[in-house]
């Protein structure tokens, strides 16, 4: 898959700098990114086969649990074009305040 907006991951890690689990979060996001980049998902069933705890919240929306579900990553996936667009990343608590089906790519100011 082509993963778009890796900068969203980097900005989030910068925001979490100094947090007690920063190192573990960085490792979890890097692992997820590398796996997603190498993935050859053809549909949401393929995603669920690899990420059993991912939530399919629409025809093109997937919510991934990061670092034991402490964080959530919302992505739009175009299976035909093999493209994954990171729409949002935050803590589980922050996730509870958004609509994963409708959220658009978060700008730097949205993430603060």
C-alpha atoms as a PDB file:
ATOM      1  CA  UNK A   1       0.000   0.000   0.000  1.00  0.00           C
ATOM      2  CA  UNK A   2       1.073   3.535  -0.584  1.00  0.00           C
ATOM      3  CA  UNK A   3       0.742   5.284   2.779  1.00  0.00           C
ATOM      4  CA  UNK A   4       0.011   8.994   2.489  1.00  0.00           C
ATOM      5  CA  UNK A   5       0.626  11.569   5.186  1.00  0.00           C
ATOM      6  CA  UNK A   6       3.428   9.961   7.166  1.00  0.00           C
ATOM      7  CA  UNK A   7       3.927  13.516   8.412  1.00  0.00           C
ATOM      8  CA  UNK A   8       0.806  12.975  10.540  1.00  0.00           C
ATOM      9  CA  UNK A   9       2.688  10.242  12.407  1.00  0.00           C
ATOM     10  CA  UNK A  10       5.751  12.439  12.824  1.00  0.00           C
ATOM     11  CA  UNK A  11       3.717  15.406  14.101  1.00  0.00           C
ATOM     12  CA  UNK A  12       1.907  13.211  16.583  1.00  0.00           C
ATOM     13  CA  UNK A  13       5.184  11.795  17.889  1.00  0.00           C
ATOM     14  CA  UNK A  14       6.541  15.329  18.276  1.00  0.00           C
ATOM     15  CA  UNK A  15       3.410  16.236  20.222  1.00  0.00           C
ATOM     16  CA  UNK A  16       3.930  13.223  22.487  1.00  0.00           C
ATOM     17  CA  UNK A  17       7.633  13.997  23.087  1.00  0.00           C
ATOM     18  CA  UNK A  18       8.461  13.543  26.751  1.00  0.00           C
ATOM     19  CA  UNK A  19       5.407  11.354  27.367  1.00  0.00           C
ATOM     20  CA  UNK A  20       6.233   8.281  29.440  1.00  0.00           C
ATOM     21  CA  UNK A  21       5.486   5.819  26.622  1.00  0.00           C
ATOM     22  CA  UNK A  22       6.937   7.888  23.759  1.00  0.00           C
ATOM     23  CA  UNK A  23       9.554   5.283  22.853  1.00  0.00           C
ATOM     24  CA  UNK A  24       7.018   2.426  22.781  1.00  0.00           C
ATOM     25  CA  UNK A  25       4.575   4.552  20.784  1.00  0.00           C
ATOM     26  CA  UNK A  26       7.274   5.432  18.251  1.00  0.00           C
ATOM     27  CA  UNK A  27       8.158   1.746  17.832  1.00  0.00           C
ATOM     28  CA  UNK A  28       4.477   0.780  17.453  1.00  0.00           C
ATOM     29  CA  UNK A  29       3.824   3.461  14.818  1.00  0.00           C
ATOM     30  CA  UNK A  30       6.965   2.573  12.876  1.00  0.00           C
ATOM     31  CA  UNK A  31       5.999  -1.093  12.918  1.00  0.00           C
ATOM     32  CA  UNK A  32       2.453  -0.296  11.769  1.00  0.00           C
ATOM     33  CA  UNK A  33       3.762   1.986   9.001  1.00  0.00           C
ATOM     34  CA  UNK A  34       6.167  -0.633   7.646  1.00  0.00           C
ATOM     35  CA  UNK A  35       3.495  -3.346   7.733  1.00  0.00           C
ATOM     36  CA  UNK A  36       0.931  -1.125   6.018  1.00  0.00           C
ATOM     37  CA  UNK A  37       3.444  -0.118   3.361  1.00  0.00           C
ATOM     38  CA  UNK A  38       4.165  -3.753   2.533  1.00  0.00           C
ATOM     39  CA  UNK A  39       0.529  -4.854   2.692  1.00  0.00           C
ATOM     40  CA  UNK A  40      -1.353  -6.028  -0.365  1.00  0.00           C
ATOM     41  CA  UNK A  41      -4.865  -5.631   0.944  1.00  0.00           C
ATOM     42  CA  UNK A  42      -7.579  -6.105  -1.646  1.00  0.00           C
ATOM     43  CA  UNK A  43     -10.501  -5.481   0.726  1.00  0.00           C
ATOM     44  CA  UNK A  44     -11.416  -4.943   4.358  1.00  0.00           C
ATOM     45  CA  UNK A  45     -11.393  -8.704   5.003  1.00  0.00           C
ATOM     46  CA  UNK A  46      -7.668  -8.696   4.186  1.00  0.00           C
ATOM     47  CA  UNK A  47      -7.135  -5.920   6.745  1.00  0.00           C
ATOM     48  CA  UNK A  48      -9.086  -7.855   9.396  1.00  0.00           C
ATOM     49  CA  UNK A  49      -7.063 -11.002   8.639  1.00  0.00           C
ATOM     50  CA  UNK A  50      -3.889  -9.143   9.654  1.00  0.00           C
ATOM     51  CA  UNK A  51      -5.377  -6.747  12.232  1.00  0.00           C
ATOM     52  CA  UNK A  52      -8.165  -8.651  13.959  1.00  0.00           C
ATOM     53  CA  UNK A  53      -8.855  -5.745  16.325  1.00  0.00           C
ATOM     54  CA  UNK A  54      -9.110  -3.122  13.595  1.00  0.00           C
ATOM     55  CA  UNK A  55     -12.572  -1.634  13.173  1.00  0.00           C
ATOM     56  CA  UNK A  56     -14.091  -1.322   9.727  1.00  0.00           C
ATOM     57  CA  UNK A  57     -16.281   1.784  10.015  1.00  0.00           C
ATOM     58  CA  UNK A  58     -17.271   2.294   6.406  1.00  0.00           C
ATOM     59  CA  UNK A  59     -16.580   1.099   2.902  1.00  0.00           C
ATOM     60  CA  UNK A  60     -13.184   2.803   2.949  1.00  0.00           C
ATOM     61  CA  UNK A  61     -12.551   3.591   6.634  1.00  0.00           C
ATOM     62  CA  UNK A  62     -10.481   1.539   9.028  1.00  0.00           C
ATOM     63  CA  UNK A  63      -9.583   2.323  12.623  1.00  0.00           C
ATOM     64  CA  UNK A  64      -6.346   0.694  13.755  1.00  0.00           C
ATOM     65  CA  UNK A  65      -5.506   0.148  17.407  1.00  0.00           C
ATOM     66  CA  UNK A  66      -1.965   1.295  18.128  1.00  0.00           C
ATOM     67  CA  UNK A  67       0.090   0.246  21.133  1.00  0.00           C
ATOM     68  CA  UNK A  68      -2.461  -2.001  22.758  1.00  0.00           C
ATOM     69  CA  UNK A  69      -5.400   0.253  21.918  1.00  0.00           C
ATOM     70  CA  UNK A  70      -3.960   3.217  23.844  1.00  0.00           C
ATOM     71  CA  UNK A  71      -3.985   5.123  20.540  1.00  0.00           C
ATOM     72  CA  UNK A  72      -6.192   5.033  17.479  1.00  0.00           C
ATOM     73  CA  UNK A  73      -5.322   5.690  13.849  1.00  0.00           C
ATOM     74  CA  UNK A  74      -8.124   6.397  11.358  1.00  0.00           C
ATOM     75  CA  UNK A  75      -7.342   5.699   7.724  1.00  0.00           C
ATOM     76  CA  UNK A  76      -9.181   5.842   4.434  1.00  0.00           C
ATOM     77  CA  UNK A  77      -8.214   2.940   2.203  1.00  0.00           C
ATOM     78  CA  UNK A  78      -8.620   2.792  -1.553  1.00  0.00           C
ATOM     79  CA  UNK A  79      -8.072  -0.897  -2.191  1.00  0.00           C
ATOM     80  CA  UNK A  80      -8.216  -0.580  -5.972  1.00  0.00           C
ATOM     81  CA  UNK A  81      -5.463   2.047  -6.065  1.00  0.00           C
ATOM     82  CA  UNK A  82      -3.542   0.416  -3.184  1.00  0.00           C
ATOM     83  CA  UNK A  83      -3.507   3.675  -1.236  1.00  0.00           C
ATOM     84  CA  UNK A  84      -3.985   4.315   2.470  1.00  0.00           C
ATOM     85  CA  UNK A  85      -4.493   7.895   3.632  1.00  0.00           C
ATOM     86  CA  UNK A  86      -3.974   8.607   7.323  1.00  0.00           C
ATOM     87  CA  UNK A  87      -6.902  10.779   8.361  1.00  0.00           C
ATOM     88  CA  UNK A  88      -6.381  11.075  12.095  1.00  0.00           C
ATOM     89  CA  UNK A  89      -4.221   9.830  14.964  1.00  0.00           C
ATOM     90  CA  UNK A  90      -4.749  10.348  18.665  1.00  0.00           C
ATOM     91  CA  UNK A  91      -5.311   8.845  22.056  1.00  0.00           C
ATOM     92  CA  UNK A  92      -8.224   6.559  22.703  1.00  0.00           C
ATOM     93  CA  UNK A  93      -9.834   9.312  24.787  1.00  0.00           C
ATOM     94  CA  UNK A  94      -9.492  11.821  21.904  1.00  0.00           C
ATOM     95  CA  UNK A  95     -10.896   9.229  19.503  1.00  0.00           C
ATOM     96  CA  UNK A  96     -14.084   9.038  21.536  1.00  0.00           C
ATOM     97  CA  UNK A  97     -14.738  12.702  20.600  1.00  0.00           C
ATOM     98  CA  UNK A  98     -14.539  12.317  16.807  1.00  0.00           C
ATOM     99  CA  UNK A  99     -16.609  10.729  14.065  1.00  0.00           C
ATOM    100  CA  UNK A 100     -14.216   8.274  12.406  1.00  0.00           C
ATOM    101  CA  UNK A 101     -16.528   7.944   9.396  1.00  0.00           C
ATOM    102  CA  UNK A 102     -16.405  11.644   8.591  1.00  0.00           C
ATOM    103  CA  UNK A 103     -13.131  13.064   9.910  1.00  0.00           C
ATOM    104  CA  UNK A 104     -10.846  14.542   7.297  1.00  0.00           C
ATOM    105  CA  UNK A 105      -7.073  14.790   7.449  1.00  0.00           C
ATOM    106  CA  UNK A 106      -6.147  16.693  10.588  1.00  0.00           C
ATOM    107  CA  UNK A 107      -3.980  19.756  10.196  1.00  0.00           C
ATOM    108  CA  UNK A 108      -1.220  20.596  12.659  1.00  0.00           C
ATOM    109  CA  UNK A 109      -3.550  22.930  14.545  1.00  0.00           C
ATOM    110  CA  UNK A 110      -6.202  20.231  14.837  1.00  0.00           C
ATOM    111  CA  UNK A 111      -3.707  17.925  16.516  1.00  0.00           C
ATOM    112  CA  UNK A 112      -2.714  20.386  19.272  1.00  0.00           C
END
